[in-house]
């Protein structure tokens, strides 16, 4: 299986190269850089700014800067952050962990809600509960994540039940490991709920539709005629055949989760990769933006490769080349 995945991994290299090249070009289409804002400060000597621009190679053409940056990445160096005065790799580590934590929590919440409800509606098609959940999902899918995040902040402010922004309380370092973990969950629950709404609706609808289709297949009728237990038919036969479209959807949901996570992080002040990228864009911190975008792209590619792996594991008849 891993030998089949290797061509897909190598095929991702040109894709990553293209994403970083386009991002680097777009960053340079904007006028100025991080040092340009310092030119407005009369206390800073213009010669000092030009010396810094020469030191960091910002006075060179954009394509020269890009290939020098690519050469640095091959040595594990993502560049230097002008705003933080630190190497980029030292800054983005904790932010990536926070983004993964938020995305995984939202995905787990979505699956925990979507799968049971989707199975229930597939088994009880056209019942009142199926119609009611279909109506709720139709309303929920039309609500943008931005609006949900704003409603969540308003709810937290009005009730005081949840914190407004942040990952932990100010004195979290003084807490024990149990209290610190509980405080993290307390800050995580509201952003994760907001982020989980859209994927939960998508997985619910796909589970319901796929399983309904499989339950009408002849092999299910044959299993019923043989007298197999309904639960065994549902879980061992129907559900496994309905999983492949859901697993293929997983790769796309990773992209949607990351996009939604970036938005939720900015709106709800969650200290993740999206918020870091947004602040780096505002300050024109070139290499911090590029490092964040590169890691986000790697996470997207990794999600799609994981989906390919799960599909071949669930159904060995599927070849990676046909995915």
C-alpha atoms as a PDB file:
ATOM      1  CA  UNK A   1       0.000   0.000   0.000  1.00  0.00           C
ATOM      2  CA  UNK A   2       2.787   2.412   0.857  1.00  0.00           C
ATOM      3  CA  UNK A   3       4.492   1.634  -2.452  1.00  0.00           C
ATOM      4  CA  UNK A   4       1.274   2.684  -4.188  1.00  0.00           C
ATOM      5  CA  UNK A   5       1.147   5.910  -2.206  1.00  0.00           C
ATOM      6  CA  UNK A   6       4.711   6.898  -3.073  1.00  0.00           C
ATOM      7  CA  UNK A   7       3.855   8.151  -6.614  1.00  0.00           C
ATOM      8  CA  UNK A   8       1.116  10.341  -5.131  1.00  0.00           C
ATOM      9  CA  UNK A   9       3.590  11.755  -2.627  1.00  0.00           C
ATOM     10  CA  UNK A  10       6.107  12.573  -5.350  1.00  0.00           C
ATOM     11  CA  UNK A  11       3.326  14.082  -7.487  1.00  0.00           C
ATOM     12  CA  UNK A  12       2.569  16.456  -4.602  1.00  0.00           C
ATOM     13  CA  UNK A  13       6.001  18.065  -4.859  1.00  0.00           C
ATOM     14  CA  UNK A  14       5.245  20.054  -8.069  1.00  0.00           C
ATOM     15  CA  UNK A  15       1.908  21.078  -6.539  1.00  0.00           C
ATOM     16  CA  UNK A  16       3.631  22.409  -3.425  1.00  0.00           C
ATOM     17  CA  UNK A  17       6.222  24.138  -5.591  1.00  0.00           C
ATOM     18  CA  UNK A  18       3.475  25.833  -7.610  1.00  0.00           C
ATOM     19  CA  UNK A  19       1.589  26.984  -4.499  1.00  0.00           C
ATOM     20  CA  UNK A  20       4.673  28.531  -2.925  1.00  0.00           C
ATOM     21  CA  UNK A  21       5.766  30.152  -6.201  1.00  0.00           C
ATOM     22  CA  UNK A  22       2.360  31.764  -6.743  1.00  0.00           C
ATOM     23  CA  UNK A  23       2.172  32.897  -3.107  1.00  0.00           C
ATOM     24  CA  UNK A  24       5.640  34.430  -3.279  1.00  0.00           C
ATOM     25  CA  UNK A  25       4.732  36.260  -6.495  1.00  0.00           C
ATOM     26  CA  UNK A  26       1.490  37.613  -5.006  1.00  0.00           C
ATOM     27  CA  UNK A  27       3.323  38.841  -1.922  1.00  0.00           C
ATOM     28  CA  UNK A  28       5.687  40.830  -4.151  1.00  0.00           C
ATOM     29  CA  UNK A  29       2.901  42.369  -6.234  1.00  0.00           C
ATOM     30  CA  UNK A  30       1.975  44.438  -3.174  1.00  0.00           C
ATOM     31  CA  UNK A  31       3.993  47.615  -2.857  1.00  0.00           C
ATOM     32  CA  UNK A  32       6.602  47.721  -0.111  1.00  0.00           C
ATOM     33  CA  UNK A  33       7.763  45.234   2.505  1.00  0.00           C
ATOM     34  CA  UNK A  34       8.161  45.026   6.277  1.00  0.00           C
ATOM     35  CA  UNK A  35      10.990  47.577   6.255  1.00  0.00           C
ATOM     36  CA  UNK A  36       8.937  50.081   4.237  1.00  0.00           C
ATOM     37  CA  UNK A  37       6.886  51.040   7.291  1.00  0.00           C
ATOM     38  CA  UNK A  38      10.099  52.018   9.084  1.00  0.00           C
ATOM     39  CA  UNK A  39      10.799  54.685   6.474  1.00  0.00           C
ATOM     40  CA  UNK A  40       7.992  56.756   7.996  1.00  0.00           C
ATOM     41  CA  UNK A  41       9.863  56.901  11.299  1.00  0.00           C
ATOM     42  CA  UNK A  42      12.158  59.967  11.230  1.00  0.00           C
ATOM     43  CA  UNK A  43      14.264  58.515  14.065  1.00  0.00           C
ATOM     44  CA  UNK A  44      15.494  55.665  11.873  1.00  0.00           C
ATOM     45  CA  UNK A  45      18.301  56.454   9.470  1.00  0.00           C
ATOM     46  CA  UNK A  46      17.375  55.539   5.838  1.00  0.00           C
ATOM     47  CA  UNK A  47      20.873  54.087   5.443  1.00  0.00           C
ATOM     48  CA  UNK A  48      20.109  51.655   8.269  1.00  0.00           C
ATOM     49  CA  UNK A  49      16.929  50.510   6.513  1.00  0.00           C
ATOM     50  CA  UNK A  50      18.759  50.003   3.222  1.00  0.00           C
ATOM     51  CA  UNK A  51      21.498  48.054   5.007  1.00  0.00           C
ATOM     52  CA  UNK A  52      18.860  45.769   6.543  1.00  0.00           C
ATOM     53  CA  UNK A  53      17.179  45.338   3.145  1.00  0.00           C
ATOM     54  CA  UNK A  54      20.521  44.341   1.637  1.00  0.00           C
ATOM     55  CA  UNK A  55      21.273  41.987   4.539  1.00  0.00           C
ATOM     56  CA  UNK A  56      18.007  40.080   4.088  1.00  0.00           C
ATOM     57  CA  UNK A  57      18.163  40.193   0.282  1.00  0.00           C
ATOM     58  CA  UNK A  58      14.966  42.245  -0.068  1.00  0.00           C
ATOM     59  CA  UNK A  59      16.607  44.475  -2.675  1.00  0.00           C
ATOM     60  CA  UNK A  60      16.939  41.556  -5.108  1.00  0.00           C
ATOM     61  CA  UNK A  61      14.340  40.499  -7.749  1.00  0.00           C
ATOM     62  CA  UNK A  62      11.502  38.385  -6.384  1.00  0.00           C
ATOM     63  CA  UNK A  63      12.528  35.228  -8.275  1.00  0.00           C
ATOM     64  CA  UNK A  64      16.063  35.424  -6.836  1.00  0.00           C
ATOM     65  CA  UNK A  65      14.603  35.765  -3.342  1.00  0.00           C
ATOM     66  CA  UNK A  66      12.266  32.823  -4.015  1.00  0.00           C
ATOM     67  CA  UNK A  67      14.925  30.368  -5.118  1.00  0.00           C
ATOM     68  CA  UNK A  68      17.174  31.405  -2.239  1.00  0.00           C
ATOM     69  CA  UNK A  69      14.263  30.723   0.091  1.00  0.00           C
ATOM     70  CA  UNK A  70      13.681  27.305  -1.524  1.00  0.00           C
ATOM     71  CA  UNK A  71      17.357  26.518  -0.989  1.00  0.00           C
ATOM     72  CA  UNK A  72      16.995  27.467   2.675  1.00  0.00           C
ATOM     73  CA  UNK A  73      13.928  25.227   3.079  1.00  0.00           C
ATOM     74  CA  UNK A  74      15.913  22.249   1.789  1.00  0.00           C
ATOM     75  CA  UNK A  75      18.165  22.779   4.823  1.00  0.00           C
ATOM     76  CA  UNK A  76      15.217  23.073   7.217  1.00  0.00           C
ATOM     77  CA  UNK A  77      15.374  26.871   7.387  1.00  0.00           C
ATOM     78  CA  UNK A  78      12.062  28.663   6.657  1.00  0.00           C
ATOM     79  CA  UNK A  79      13.611  32.115   6.877  1.00  0.00           C
ATOM     80  CA  UNK A  80      13.639  34.892   9.452  1.00  0.00           C
ATOM     81  CA  UNK A  81      10.634  36.745  10.837  1.00  0.00           C
ATOM     82  CA  UNK A  82      11.163  40.507  10.771  1.00  0.00           C
ATOM     83  CA  UNK A  83       8.303  41.211  13.201  1.00  0.00           C
ATOM     84  CA  UNK A  84       9.266  38.620  15.830  1.00  0.00           C
ATOM     85  CA  UNK A  85      13.045  38.873  15.296  1.00  0.00           C
ATOM     86  CA  UNK A  86      13.266  35.082  15.389  1.00  0.00           C
ATOM     87  CA  UNK A  87      13.554  32.213  12.891  1.00  0.00           C
ATOM     88  CA  UNK A  88      10.181  31.320  11.392  1.00  0.00           C
ATOM     89  CA  UNK A  89      10.454  27.654  12.349  1.00  0.00           C
ATOM     90  CA  UNK A  90      10.654  28.628  16.042  1.00  0.00           C
ATOM     91  CA  UNK A  91       7.467  30.685  15.813  1.00  0.00           C
ATOM     92  CA  UNK A  92       5.035  28.549  13.866  1.00  0.00           C
ATOM     93  CA  UNK A  93       5.458  25.287  15.810  1.00  0.00           C
ATOM     94  CA  UNK A  94       2.987  26.062  18.604  1.00  0.00           C
ATOM     95  CA  UNK A  95       0.574  27.732  16.160  1.00  0.00           C
ATOM     96  CA  UNK A  96       0.461  24.622  13.957  1.00  0.00           C
ATOM     97  CA  UNK A  97      -0.313  22.492  17.032  1.00  0.00           C
ATOM     98  CA  UNK A  98      -3.187  24.825  17.957  1.00  0.00           C
ATOM     99  CA  UNK A  99      -4.639  24.686  14.432  1.00  0.00           C
ATOM    100  CA  UNK A 100      -4.409  20.886  14.377  1.00  0.00           C
ATOM    101  CA  UNK A 101      -5.994  20.717  17.835  1.00  0.00           C
ATOM    102  CA  UNK A 102      -8.927  22.882  16.731  1.00  0.00           C
ATOM    103  CA  UNK A 103      -9.384  21.043  13.412  1.00  0.00           C
ATOM    104  CA  UNK A 104      -9.200  17.546  14.927  1.00  0.00           C
ATOM    105  CA  UNK A 105     -11.607  18.488  17.738  1.00  0.00           C
ATOM    106  CA  UNK A 106     -14.078  19.913  15.206  1.00  0.00           C
ATOM    107  CA  UNK A 107     -13.760  16.846  12.967  1.00  0.00           C
ATOM    108  CA  UNK A 108     -14.377  14.459  15.874  1.00  0.00           C
ATOM    109  CA  UNK A 109     -17.423  16.451  16.968  1.00  0.00           C
ATOM    110  CA  UNK A 110     -18.747  16.433  13.408  1.00  0.00           C
ATOM    111  CA  UNK A 111     -18.311  12.655  13.033  1.00  0.00           C
ATOM    112  CA  UNK A 112     -19.788  11.878  16.461  1.00  0.00           C
ATOM    113  CA  UNK A 113     -22.938  13.804  15.528  1.00  0.00           C
ATOM    114  CA  UNK A 114     -23.179  13.071  11.792  1.00  0.00           C
ATOM    115  CA  UNK A 115     -22.707   9.294  11.640  1.00  0.00           C
ATOM    116  CA  UNK A 116     -25.375   8.228  14.192  1.00  0.00           C
ATOM    117  CA  UNK A 117     -27.919  10.725  12.845  1.00  0.00           C
ATOM    118  CA  UNK A 118     -27.158   9.774   9.232  1.00  0.00           C
ATOM    119  CA  UNK A 119     -27.581   6.062  10.017  1.00  0.00           C
ATOM    120  CA  UNK A 120     -30.808   6.761  11.907  1.00  0.00           C
ATOM    121  CA  UNK A 121     -32.291   8.735   9.007  1.00  0.00           C
ATOM    122  CA  UNK A 122     -31.205   6.104   6.469  1.00  0.00           C
ATOM    123  CA  UNK A 123     -32.889   3.326   8.455  1.00  0.00           C
ATOM    124  CA  UNK A 124     -36.026   5.440   9.045  1.00  0.00           C
ATOM    125  CA  UNK A 125     -36.315   7.065   5.638  1.00  0.00           C
ATOM    126  CA  UNK A 126     -39.202   9.474   5.088  1.00  0.00           C
ATOM    127  CA  UNK A 127     -40.167   9.380   8.761  1.00  0.00           C
ATOM    128  CA  UNK A 128     -40.841  12.559  10.732  1.00  0.00           C
ATOM    129  CA  UNK A 129     -37.336  12.505  12.246  1.00  0.00           C
ATOM    130  CA  UNK A 130     -35.780  12.176   8.780  1.00  0.00           C
ATOM    131  CA  UNK A 131     -37.769  15.174   7.507  1.00  0.00           C
ATOM    132  CA  UNK A 132     -37.015  17.217  10.622  1.00  0.00           C
ATOM    133  CA  UNK A 133     -33.261  16.604  10.450  1.00  0.00           C
ATOM    134  CA  UNK A 134     -33.269  17.301   6.709  1.00  0.00           C
ATOM    135  CA  UNK A 135     -34.907  20.672   7.402  1.00  0.00           C
ATOM    136  CA  UNK A 136     -32.398  21.499  10.152  1.00  0.00           C
ATOM    137  CA  UNK A 137     -29.459  20.547   7.924  1.00  0.00           C
ATOM    138  CA  UNK A 138     -30.836  22.671   5.066  1.00  0.00           C
ATOM    139  CA  UNK A 139     -30.953  25.701   7.346  1.00  0.00           C
ATOM    140  CA  UNK A 140     -27.546  24.957   8.910  1.00  0.00           C
ATOM    141  CA  UNK A 141     -25.683  24.500   5.621  1.00  0.00           C
ATOM    142  CA  UNK A 142     -26.820  27.952   4.481  1.00  0.00           C
ATOM    143  CA  UNK A 143     -25.231  29.656   7.517  1.00  0.00           C
ATOM    144  CA  UNK A 144     -21.664  30.849   6.798  1.00  0.00           C
ATOM    145  CA  UNK A 145     -18.952  30.076   9.334  1.00  0.00           C
ATOM    146  CA  UNK A 146     -18.301  33.802   9.743  1.00  0.00           C
ATOM    147  CA  UNK A 147     -21.874  34.409  10.921  1.00  0.00           C
ATOM    148  CA  UNK A 148     -21.762  31.400  13.260  1.00  0.00           C
ATOM    149  CA  UNK A 149     -18.516  32.664  14.794  1.00  0.00           C
ATOM    150  CA  UNK A 150     -20.030  36.116  15.388  1.00  0.00           C
ATOM    151  CA  UNK A 151     -23.138  34.555  16.965  1.00  0.00           C
ATOM    152  CA  UNK A 152     -20.897  32.411  19.191  1.00  0.00           C
ATOM    153  CA  UNK A 153     -18.959  35.463  20.399  1.00  0.00           C
ATOM    154  CA  UNK A 154     -22.232  37.283  21.123  1.00  0.00           C
ATOM    155  CA  UNK A 155     -23.548  34.229  22.982  1.00  0.00           C
ATOM    156  CA  UNK A 156     -20.366  33.980  25.064  1.00  0.00           C
ATOM    157  CA  UNK A 157     -20.470  37.698  25.877  1.00  0.00           C
ATOM    158  CA  UNK A 158     -24.152  37.650  26.890  1.00  0.00           C
ATOM    159  CA  UNK A 159     -24.089  34.485  28.988  1.00  0.00           C
ATOM    160  CA  UNK A 160     -20.523  34.413  30.293  1.00  0.00           C
ATOM    161  CA  UNK A 161     -20.543  30.634  29.908  1.00  0.00           C
ATOM    162  CA  UNK A 162     -17.534  30.559  27.589  1.00  0.00           C
ATOM    163  CA  UNK A 163     -14.365  32.673  27.289  1.00  0.00           C
ATOM    164  CA  UNK A 164     -14.147  35.189  24.457  1.00  0.00           C
ATOM    165  CA  UNK A 165     -10.957  34.363  22.595  1.00  0.00           C
ATOM    166  CA  UNK A 166      -7.625  32.905  23.594  1.00  0.00           C
ATOM    167  CA  UNK A 167      -6.385  29.398  24.259  1.00  0.00           C
ATOM    168  CA  UNK A 168      -5.909  29.528  28.029  1.00  0.00           C
ATOM    169  CA  UNK A 169      -6.228  31.849  30.989  1.00  0.00           C
ATOM    170  CA  UNK A 170      -3.463  34.285  31.863  1.00  0.00           C
ATOM    171  CA  UNK A 171      -2.249  32.319  34.896  1.00  0.00           C
ATOM    172  CA  UNK A 172      -2.406  28.925  33.142  1.00  0.00           C
ATOM    173  CA  UNK A 173       1.314  28.322  33.689  1.00  0.00           C
ATOM    174  CA  UNK A 174       0.687  28.207  37.452  1.00  0.00           C
ATOM    175  CA  UNK A 175      -1.991  25.503  37.177  1.00  0.00           C
ATOM    176  CA  UNK A 176      -1.479  21.765  37.463  1.00  0.00           C
ATOM    177  CA  UNK A 177      -1.648  19.544  34.390  1.00  0.00           C
ATOM    178  CA  UNK A 178      -5.262  18.487  35.051  1.00  0.00           C
ATOM    179  CA  UNK A 179      -6.559  22.024  35.626  1.00  0.00           C
ATOM    180  CA  UNK A 180      -4.580  23.279  32.649  1.00  0.00           C
ATOM    181  CA  UNK A 181      -6.074  20.596  30.402  1.00  0.00           C
ATOM    182  CA  UNK A 182      -9.565  21.407  31.629  1.00  0.00           C
ATOM    183  CA  UNK A 183      -8.955  25.099  30.985  1.00  0.00           C
ATOM    184  CA  UNK A 184      -7.786  24.267  27.446  1.00  0.00           C
ATOM    185  CA  UNK A 185     -10.981  22.308  26.769  1.00  0.00           C
ATOM    186  CA  UNK A 186     -13.006  25.188  28.201  1.00  0.00           C
ATOM    187  CA  UNK A 187     -11.444  27.571  25.675  1.00  0.00           C
ATOM    188  CA  UNK A 188     -11.580  25.013  22.837  1.00  0.00           C
ATOM    189  CA  UNK A 189     -15.213  23.931  22.982  1.00  0.00           C
ATOM    190  CA  UNK A 190     -16.881  27.007  21.462  1.00  0.00           C
ATOM    191  CA  UNK A 191     -14.510  27.453  18.449  1.00  0.00           C
ATOM    192  CA  UNK A 192     -14.643  23.701  17.813  1.00  0.00           C
ATOM    193  CA  UNK A 193     -18.460  23.703  17.863  1.00  0.00           C
ATOM    194  CA  UNK A 194     -18.568  26.587  15.371  1.00  0.00           C
ATOM    195  CA  UNK A 195     -16.076  24.877  13.074  1.00  0.00           C
ATOM    196  CA  UNK A 196     -17.850  21.493  13.332  1.00  0.00           C
ATOM    197  CA  UNK A 197     -21.257  22.694  12.067  1.00  0.00           C
ATOM    198  CA  UNK A 198     -20.520  22.661   8.330  1.00  0.00           C
ATOM    199  CA  UNK A 199     -18.643  19.310   8.139  1.00  0.00           C
ATOM    200  CA  UNK A 200     -21.234  17.705  10.434  1.00  0.00           C
ATOM    201  CA  UNK A 201     -24.034  18.632   8.018  1.00  0.00           C
ATOM    202  CA  UNK A 202     -22.036  17.425   5.013  1.00  0.00           C
ATOM    203  CA  UNK A 203     -21.183  14.081   6.632  1.00  0.00           C
ATOM    204  CA  UNK A 204     -24.751  13.665   7.883  1.00  0.00           C
ATOM    205  CA  UNK A 205     -26.211  14.133   4.403  1.00  0.00           C
ATOM    206  CA  UNK A 206     -23.650  11.901   2.723  1.00  0.00           C
ATOM    207  CA  UNK A 207     -24.057   9.150   5.326  1.00  0.00           C
ATOM    208  CA  UNK A 208     -27.830   9.250   4.985  1.00  0.00           C
ATOM    209  CA  UNK A 209     -27.827   9.259   1.165  1.00  0.00           C
ATOM    210  CA  UNK A 210     -25.065   6.665   0.695  1.00  0.00           C
ATOM    211  CA  UNK A 211     -26.464   4.259   3.259  1.00  0.00           C
ATOM    212  CA  UNK A 212     -30.009   4.630   1.889  1.00  0.00           C
ATOM    213  CA  UNK A 213     -28.737   3.678  -1.564  1.00  0.00           C
ATOM    214  CA  UNK A 214     -26.801   0.669  -0.272  1.00  0.00           C
ATOM    215  CA  UNK A 215     -29.759  -0.603   1.772  1.00  0.00           C
ATOM    216  CA  UNK A 216     -31.707  -0.967  -1.496  1.00  0.00           C
ATOM    217  CA  UNK A 217     -29.002  -3.076  -3.185  1.00  0.00           C
ATOM    218  CA  UNK A 218     -29.753  -6.746  -3.991  1.00  0.00           C
ATOM    219  CA  UNK A 219     -27.007  -8.129  -1.718  1.00  0.00           C
ATOM    220  CA  UNK A 220     -28.677  -6.494   1.284  1.00  0.00           C
ATOM    221  CA  UNK A 221     -31.993  -8.097   0.361  1.00  0.00           C
ATOM    222  CA  UNK A 222     -30.188 -11.423   0.052  1.00  0.00           C
ATOM    223  CA  UNK A 223     -28.659 -10.998   3.511  1.00  0.00           C
ATOM    224  CA  UNK A 224     -32.104 -10.265   4.924  1.00  0.00           C
ATOM    225  CA  UNK A 225     -33.515 -13.343   3.208  1.00  0.00           C
ATOM    226  CA  UNK A 226     -30.808 -15.459   4.840  1.00  0.00           C
ATOM    227  CA  UNK A 227     -32.039 -14.321   8.231  1.00  0.00           C
ATOM    228  CA  UNK A 228     -28.987 -12.313   9.288  1.00  0.00           C
ATOM    229  CA  UNK A 229     -29.465  -9.983  12.239  1.00  0.00           C
ATOM    230  CA  UNK A 230     -30.457  -6.454  11.087  1.00  0.00           C
ATOM    231  CA  UNK A 231     -27.635  -4.879  13.088  1.00  0.00           C
ATOM    232  CA  UNK A 232     -25.079  -7.170  11.454  1.00  0.00           C
ATOM    233  CA  UNK A 233     -26.475  -6.357   8.023  1.00  0.00           C
ATOM    234  CA  UNK A 234     -26.275  -2.652   8.775  1.00  0.00           C
ATOM    235  CA  UNK A 235     -22.761  -2.518  10.254  1.00  0.00           C
ATOM    236  CA  UNK A 236     -20.940  -5.373   8.514  1.00  0.00           C
ATOM    237  CA  UNK A 237     -22.443  -5.190   5.033  1.00  0.00           C
ATOM    238  CA  UNK A 238     -24.232  -1.919   4.328  1.00  0.00           C
ATOM    239  CA  UNK A 239     -22.026   0.507   6.240  1.00  0.00           C
ATOM    240  CA  UNK A 240     -18.755  -0.774   4.850  1.00  0.00           C
ATOM    241  CA  UNK A 241     -19.977  -0.372   1.279  1.00  0.00           C
ATOM    242  CA  UNK A 242     -21.259   3.126   2.071  1.00  0.00           C
ATOM    243  CA  UNK A 243     -17.924   4.234   3.539  1.00  0.00           C
ATOM    244  CA  UNK A 244     -15.909   4.729   0.340  1.00  0.00           C
ATOM    245  CA  UNK A 245     -17.668   7.941  -0.759  1.00  0.00           C
ATOM    246  CA  UNK A 246     -17.404   9.224   2.812  1.00  0.00           C
ATOM    247  CA  UNK A 247     -13.687   8.503   2.936  1.00  0.00           C
ATOM    248  CA  UNK A 248     -13.139  10.239  -0.385  1.00  0.00           C
ATOM    249  CA  UNK A 249     -15.051  13.177   1.076  1.00  0.00           C
ATOM    250  CA  UNK A 250     -12.559  13.229   3.957  1.00  0.00           C
ATOM    251  CA  UNK A 251      -9.829  14.728   1.768  1.00  0.00           C
ATOM    252  CA  UNK A 252     -12.087  17.602   0.769  1.00  0.00           C
ATOM    253  CA  UNK A 253     -13.323  18.098   4.332  1.00  0.00           C
ATOM    254  CA  UNK A 254      -9.715  18.564   5.502  1.00  0.00           C
ATOM    255  CA  UNK A 255      -9.385  21.487   3.106  1.00  0.00           C
ATOM    256  CA  UNK A 256     -12.715  22.935   4.258  1.00  0.00           C
ATOM    257  CA  UNK A 257     -11.758  22.437   7.894  1.00  0.00           C
ATOM    258  CA  UNK A 258      -8.483  24.297   7.458  1.00  0.00           C
ATOM    259  CA  UNK A 259     -10.187  27.120   5.587  1.00  0.00           C
ATOM    260  CA  UNK A 260     -12.835  27.328   8.284  1.00  0.00           C
ATOM    261  CA  UNK A 261     -10.227  27.034  11.025  1.00  0.00           C
ATOM    262  CA  UNK A 262      -8.310  30.000   9.625  1.00  0.00           C
ATOM    263  CA  UNK A 263     -11.491  32.098   9.674  1.00  0.00           C
ATOM    264  CA  UNK A 264     -12.553  30.941  13.146  1.00  0.00           C
ATOM    265  CA  UNK A 265      -9.070  31.630  14.509  1.00  0.00           C
ATOM    266  CA  UNK A 266      -9.159  35.205  13.244  1.00  0.00           C
ATOM    267  CA  UNK A 267     -12.722  35.956  14.392  1.00  0.00           C
ATOM    268  CA  UNK A 268     -12.569  34.129  17.738  1.00  0.00           C
ATOM    269  CA  UNK A 269      -8.917  34.972  18.550  1.00  0.00           C
ATOM    270  CA  UNK A 270      -7.749  31.351  18.653  1.00  0.00           C
ATOM    271  CA  UNK A 271      -3.909  31.413  18.447  1.00  0.00           C
ATOM    272  CA  UNK A 272      -3.509  29.165  15.429  1.00  0.00           C
ATOM    273  CA  UNK A 273      -1.808  29.213  12.064  1.00  0.00           C
ATOM    274  CA  UNK A 274      -4.604  31.229  10.436  1.00  0.00           C
ATOM    275  CA  UNK A 275      -4.369  34.062  12.938  1.00  0.00           C
ATOM    276  CA  UNK A 276      -0.577  34.060  12.683  1.00  0.00           C
ATOM    277  CA  UNK A 277      -0.784  34.257   8.860  1.00  0.00           C
ATOM    278  CA  UNK A 278      -3.292  37.108   9.043  1.00  0.00           C
ATOM    279  CA  UNK A 279      -1.086  39.132  11.398  1.00  0.00           C
ATOM    280  CA  UNK A 280       1.979  38.392   9.261  1.00  0.00           C
ATOM    281  CA  UNK A 281       0.129  39.609   6.158  1.00  0.00           C
ATOM    282  CA  UNK A 282      -0.807  42.865   7.894  1.00  0.00           C
ATOM    283  CA  UNK A 283       2.818  43.458   8.877  1.00  0.00           C
ATOM    284  CA  UNK A 284       4.134  42.236   5.479  1.00  0.00           C
ATOM    285  CA  UNK A 285       6.355  39.710   7.227  1.00  0.00           C
ATOM    286  CA  UNK A 286       7.277  37.853   4.018  1.00  0.00           C
ATOM    287  CA  UNK A 287       8.994  34.727   5.301  1.00  0.00           C
ATOM    288  CA  UNK A 288       6.541  34.203   8.158  1.00  0.00           C
ATOM    289  CA  UNK A 289       3.665  34.315   5.644  1.00  0.00           C
ATOM    290  CA  UNK A 290       5.454  31.887   3.331  1.00  0.00           C
ATOM    291  CA  UNK A 291       6.303  29.504   6.158  1.00  0.00           C
ATOM    292  CA  UNK A 292       2.685  29.482   7.357  1.00  0.00           C
ATOM    293  CA  UNK A 293       1.295  28.933   3.847  1.00  0.00           C
ATOM    294  CA  UNK A 294       3.783  26.139   3.178  1.00  0.00           C
ATOM    295  CA  UNK A 295       2.816  24.260   6.324  1.00  0.00           C
ATOM    296  CA  UNK A 296      -0.888  24.773   5.592  1.00  0.00           C
ATOM    297  CA  UNK A 297      -0.345  23.339   2.097  1.00  0.00           C
ATOM    298  CA  UNK A 298       1.490  20.343   3.558  1.00  0.00           C
ATOM    299  CA  UNK A 299      -1.430  19.737   5.913  1.00  0.00           C
ATOM    300  CA  UNK A 300      -3.868  19.787   2.973  1.00  0.00           C
ATOM    301  CA  UNK A 301      -1.728  17.390   0.946  1.00  0.00           C
ATOM    302  CA  UNK A 302      -1.350  15.135   3.981  1.00  0.00           C
ATOM    303  CA  UNK A 303      -5.132  15.057   4.458  1.00  0.00           C
ATOM    304  CA  UNK A 304      -5.689  13.943   0.867  1.00  0.00           C
ATOM    305  CA  UNK A 305      -2.998  11.264   1.132  1.00  0.00           C
ATOM    306  CA  UNK A 306      -4.620  10.005   4.345  1.00  0.00           C
ATOM    307  CA  UNK A 307      -7.959   9.786   2.537  1.00  0.00           C
ATOM    308  CA  UNK A 308      -6.320   7.734  -0.250  1.00  0.00           C
ATOM    309  CA  UNK A 309      -4.769   5.422   2.330  1.00  0.00           C
ATOM    310  CA  UNK A 310      -8.076   4.896   4.147  1.00  0.00           C
ATOM    311  CA  UNK A 311      -9.906   4.136   0.896  1.00  0.00           C
ATOM    312  CA  UNK A 312      -7.444   1.409  -0.100  1.00  0.00           C
ATOM    313  CA  UNK A 313      -7.477   0.025   3.447  1.00  0.00           C
ATOM    314  CA  UNK A 314     -11.283  -0.139   3.494  1.00  0.00           C
ATOM    315  CA  UNK A 315     -11.551  -1.626  -0.013  1.00  0.00           C
ATOM    316  CA  UNK A 316      -8.363  -3.327  -1.345  1.00  0.00           C
ATOM    317  CA  UNK A 317      -9.927  -3.519  -4.821  1.00  0.00           C
ATOM    318  CA  UNK A 318      -9.319   0.216  -5.205  1.00  0.00           C
ATOM    319  CA  UNK A 319      -5.962   1.147  -6.653  1.00  0.00           C
ATOM    320  CA  UNK A 320      -4.263   4.422  -5.794  1.00  0.00           C
ATOM    321  CA  UNK A 321      -3.788   5.178  -9.469  1.00  0.00           C
ATOM    322  CA  UNK A 322      -7.552   5.139  -9.995  1.00  0.00           C
ATOM    323  CA  UNK A 323      -8.349   7.540  -7.133  1.00  0.00           C
END
